[in-house]
Amino acid sequence: MPRRFSRPLLRLAAAGLLGLSAAGCVIGEEFRHGYVIDEAAVAQVKPGISAEQVLQLLGTPSTVSTVGNKSWYYISQNTKRTVMFLGERQQDQRVLAVYFNQGFKVERVAIYGEQDGRVFDFISRTTPTSGGEQAFLGQLLRGLTRFEPFRNAQ
């Protein structure tokens, strides 16, 4: 008699173990990449302060402009992975932009992100006008997530 009960019990234990191991793979994880925007530090960056003061308040920028106006960009990205071992999906991306004048004093500050699929400035609550700056910000917000280095490689 004990032998008859051991097979169904063994199958039940195996199914339970398989179910528990599969449930461990469905845990969602959230990740923060890049610069974490500190609202208190951003509030201290006022027009007229020097680039050195900006470095002390915000730290080293993620990237700087090399052509045209002098701008520093701090890039922050939040991603989420719903299933273990699969790729991450972007949830939110923000770009803190600090614009300088010719004397390397802060001219203005903006935090860009996407709202309803369009580039949006969360400080002035406006959508930037067309031009080189918007194209660059659009590339930062959209292009980085679609980077496929081996797509055309054969």
Protein backbone atom coordinates (compact mmCIF):
# COMPACT_ATOMS: atom_id res chain seq x y z
CA MET A 1 0.00 0.00 0.00
CA PRO A 2 2.65 2.65 0.79
CA ARG A 3 4.04 2.22 -2.73
CA ARG A 4 0.71 3.28 -4.34
CA PHE A 5 0.61 6.52 -2.40
CA SER A 6 4.25 7.38 -3.02
CA ARG A 7 3.94 7.90 -6.81
CA PRO A 8 1.11 10.47 -6.69
CA LEU A 9 2.83 12.17 -3.77
CA LEU A 10 6.10 12.27 -5.72
CA ARG A 11 4.32 13.74 -8.75
CA LEU A 12 2.62 16.34 -6.60
CA ALA A 13 5.93 17.31 -5.00
CA ALA A 14 7.61 17.58 -8.42
CA ALA A 15 4.77 19.74 -9.76
CA GLY A 16 4.97 21.97 -6.69
CA LEU A 17 8.73 22.36 -7.04
CA LEU A 18 8.38 23.17 -10.75
CA GLY A 19 5.66 25.73 -9.99
CA LEU A 20 7.76 27.45 -7.33
CA SER A 21 10.81 27.65 -9.57
CA ALA A 22 8.73 29.11 -12.43
CA ALA A 23 7.15 31.65 -10.08
CA GLY A 24 10.63 32.89 -9.17
CA CYS A 25 11.20 33.93 -12.78
CA VAL A 26 8.19 36.25 -12.94
CA ILE A 27 9.41 38.76 -10.37
CA GLY A 28 9.47 42.28 -11.80
CA GLU A 29 12.57 44.39 -11.25
CA GLU A 30 13.01 48.11 -11.74
CA PHE A 31 16.38 49.65 -12.55
CA ARG A 32 17.70 53.22 -12.54
CA HIS A 33 20.51 54.01 -14.93
CA GLY A 34 22.60 57.13 -15.26
CA TYR A 35 22.21 60.33 -13.31
CA VAL A 36 19.57 60.40 -10.57
CA ILE A 37 17.98 63.85 -10.73
CA ASP A 38 17.91 65.54 -7.32
CA GLU A 39 15.17 68.18 -7.39
CA ALA A 40 16.73 70.11 -4.48
CA ALA A 41 20.08 70.37 -6.29
CA VAL A 42 18.40 71.38 -9.55
CA ALA A 43 16.49 74.12 -7.72
CA GLN A 44 19.83 75.63 -6.62
CA VAL A 45 21.06 75.94 -10.22
CA LYS A 46 19.98 79.49 -11.05
CA PRO A 47 20.80 81.65 -14.07
CA GLY A 48 24.10 83.46 -13.59
CA ILE A 49 25.98 80.89 -11.50
CA SER A 50 29.28 79.57 -12.82
CA ALA A 51 29.99 76.21 -14.42
CA GLU A 52 32.19 75.33 -11.45
CA GLN A 53 29.25 75.83 -9.08
CA VAL A 54 27.10 73.62 -11.31
CA LEU A 55 29.75 70.90 -11.08
CA GLN A 56 29.69 71.15 -7.30
CA LEU A 57 25.89 70.96 -7.18
CA LEU A 58 25.17 68.35 -9.86
CA GLY A 59 28.45 66.56 -10.45
CA THR A 60 29.98 65.57 -13.77
CA PRO A 61 27.51 65.64 -16.69
CA SER A 62 26.67 62.50 -18.67
CA THR A 63 27.60 64.30 -21.89
CA VAL A 64 28.36 67.82 -23.10
CA SER A 65 27.64 69.60 -26.36
CA THR A 66 30.60 69.85 -28.69
CA VAL A 67 29.11 72.12 -31.33
CA GLY A 68 27.24 75.39 -31.04
CA ASN A 69 26.01 76.43 -27.64
CA LYS A 70 27.65 75.27 -24.45
CA SER A 71 25.33 72.75 -22.81
CA TRP A 72 25.69 69.98 -20.27
CA TYR A 73 23.33 67.01 -20.22
CA TYR A 74 22.60 64.71 -17.28
CA ILE A 75 20.77 61.60 -18.52
CA SER A 76 18.56 59.44 -16.30
CA GLN A 77 16.67 56.32 -17.33
CA ASN A 78 14.24 54.02 -15.51
CA THR A 79 13.70 50.54 -16.92
CA LYS A 80 11.70 47.51 -15.85
CA ARG A 81 12.15 43.80 -16.42
CA THR A 82 8.97 41.80 -15.82
CA VAL A 83 10.37 38.33 -16.47
CA MET A 84 13.75 37.21 -15.18
CA PHE A 85 16.50 36.81 -17.80
CA LEU A 86 14.64 38.78 -20.48
CA GLY A 87 15.45 42.28 -21.68
CA GLU A 88 14.53 45.47 -19.90
CA ARG A 89 11.85 47.84 -21.15
CA GLN A 90 12.26 51.59 -20.77
CA GLN A 91 9.70 53.17 -18.44
CA ASP A 92 10.94 56.75 -18.28
CA GLN A 93 13.91 58.79 -19.43
CA ARG A 94 14.77 62.33 -18.41
CA VAL A 95 17.50 64.65 -19.63
CA LEU A 96 18.53 67.52 -17.37
CA ALA A 97 20.01 70.19 -19.65
CA VAL A 98 22.06 73.10 -18.33
CA TYR A 99 22.65 75.82 -20.93
CA PHE A 100 25.54 78.28 -20.57
CA ASN A 101 26.20 81.68 -22.15
CA GLN A 102 29.52 82.80 -23.66
CA GLY A 103 30.96 83.59 -20.22
CA PHE A 104 30.15 80.05 -19.04
CA LYS A 105 27.44 81.26 -16.68
CA VAL A 106 24.13 79.39 -16.50
CA GLU A 107 21.63 80.79 -18.97
CA ARG A 108 18.76 78.37 -18.27
CA VAL A 109 17.96 74.88 -17.00
CA ALA A 110 15.49 72.39 -18.47
CA ILE A 111 14.43 68.82 -17.71
CA TYR A 112 13.31 67.03 -20.85
CA GLY A 113 11.34 63.83 -21.09
CA GLU A 114 8.56 62.38 -23.17
CA GLN A 115 4.92 63.13 -22.60
CA ASP A 116 2.37 61.71 -25.01
CA GLY A 117 5.20 60.68 -27.35
CA ARG A 118 6.66 64.19 -27.69
CA VAL A 119 9.73 65.78 -26.14
CA PHE A 120 8.55 67.88 -23.19
CA ASP A 121 10.29 70.32 -20.80
CA PHE A 122 9.10 69.49 -17.28
CA ILE A 123 10.36 72.76 -15.77
CA SER A 124 8.80 75.29 -18.16
CA ARG A 125 5.98 72.84 -19.04
CA THR A 126 6.48 73.42 -22.78
CA THR A 127 7.39 71.45 -25.87
CA PRO A 128 10.61 72.78 -27.47
CA THR A 129 10.36 74.36 -30.91
CA SER A 130 11.88 72.66 -33.91
CA GLY A 131 15.58 73.01 -34.57
CA GLY A 132 18.93 71.43 -33.82
CA GLU A 133 18.44 71.26 -30.06
CA GLN A 134 15.14 69.38 -30.34
CA ALA A 135 16.65 66.94 -32.84
CA PHE A 136 19.50 66.21 -30.45
CA LEU A 137 17.16 65.74 -27.49
CA GLY A 138 14.91 63.52 -29.58
CA GLN A 139 17.89 61.34 -30.40
CA LEU A 140 18.79 61.13 -26.73
CA LEU A 141 15.26 60.21 -25.70
CA ARG A 142 14.38 57.87 -28.56
CA GLY A 143 17.56 56.67 -30.22
CA LEU A 144 19.39 55.20 -27.27
CA THR A 145 16.70 52.59 -26.67
CA ARG A 146 16.75 51.43 -30.29
CA PHE A 147 20.50 50.88 -30.51
CA GLU A 148 21.15 47.61 -32.35
CA PRO A 149 24.89 47.29 -33.07
CA PHE A 150 24.69 43.89 -34.78
CA ARG A 151 21.58 44.47 -36.88
CA ASN A 152 23.36 44.89 -40.24
CA ALA A 153 26.40 42.76 -39.40
CA GLN A 154 26.60 39.52 -41.34
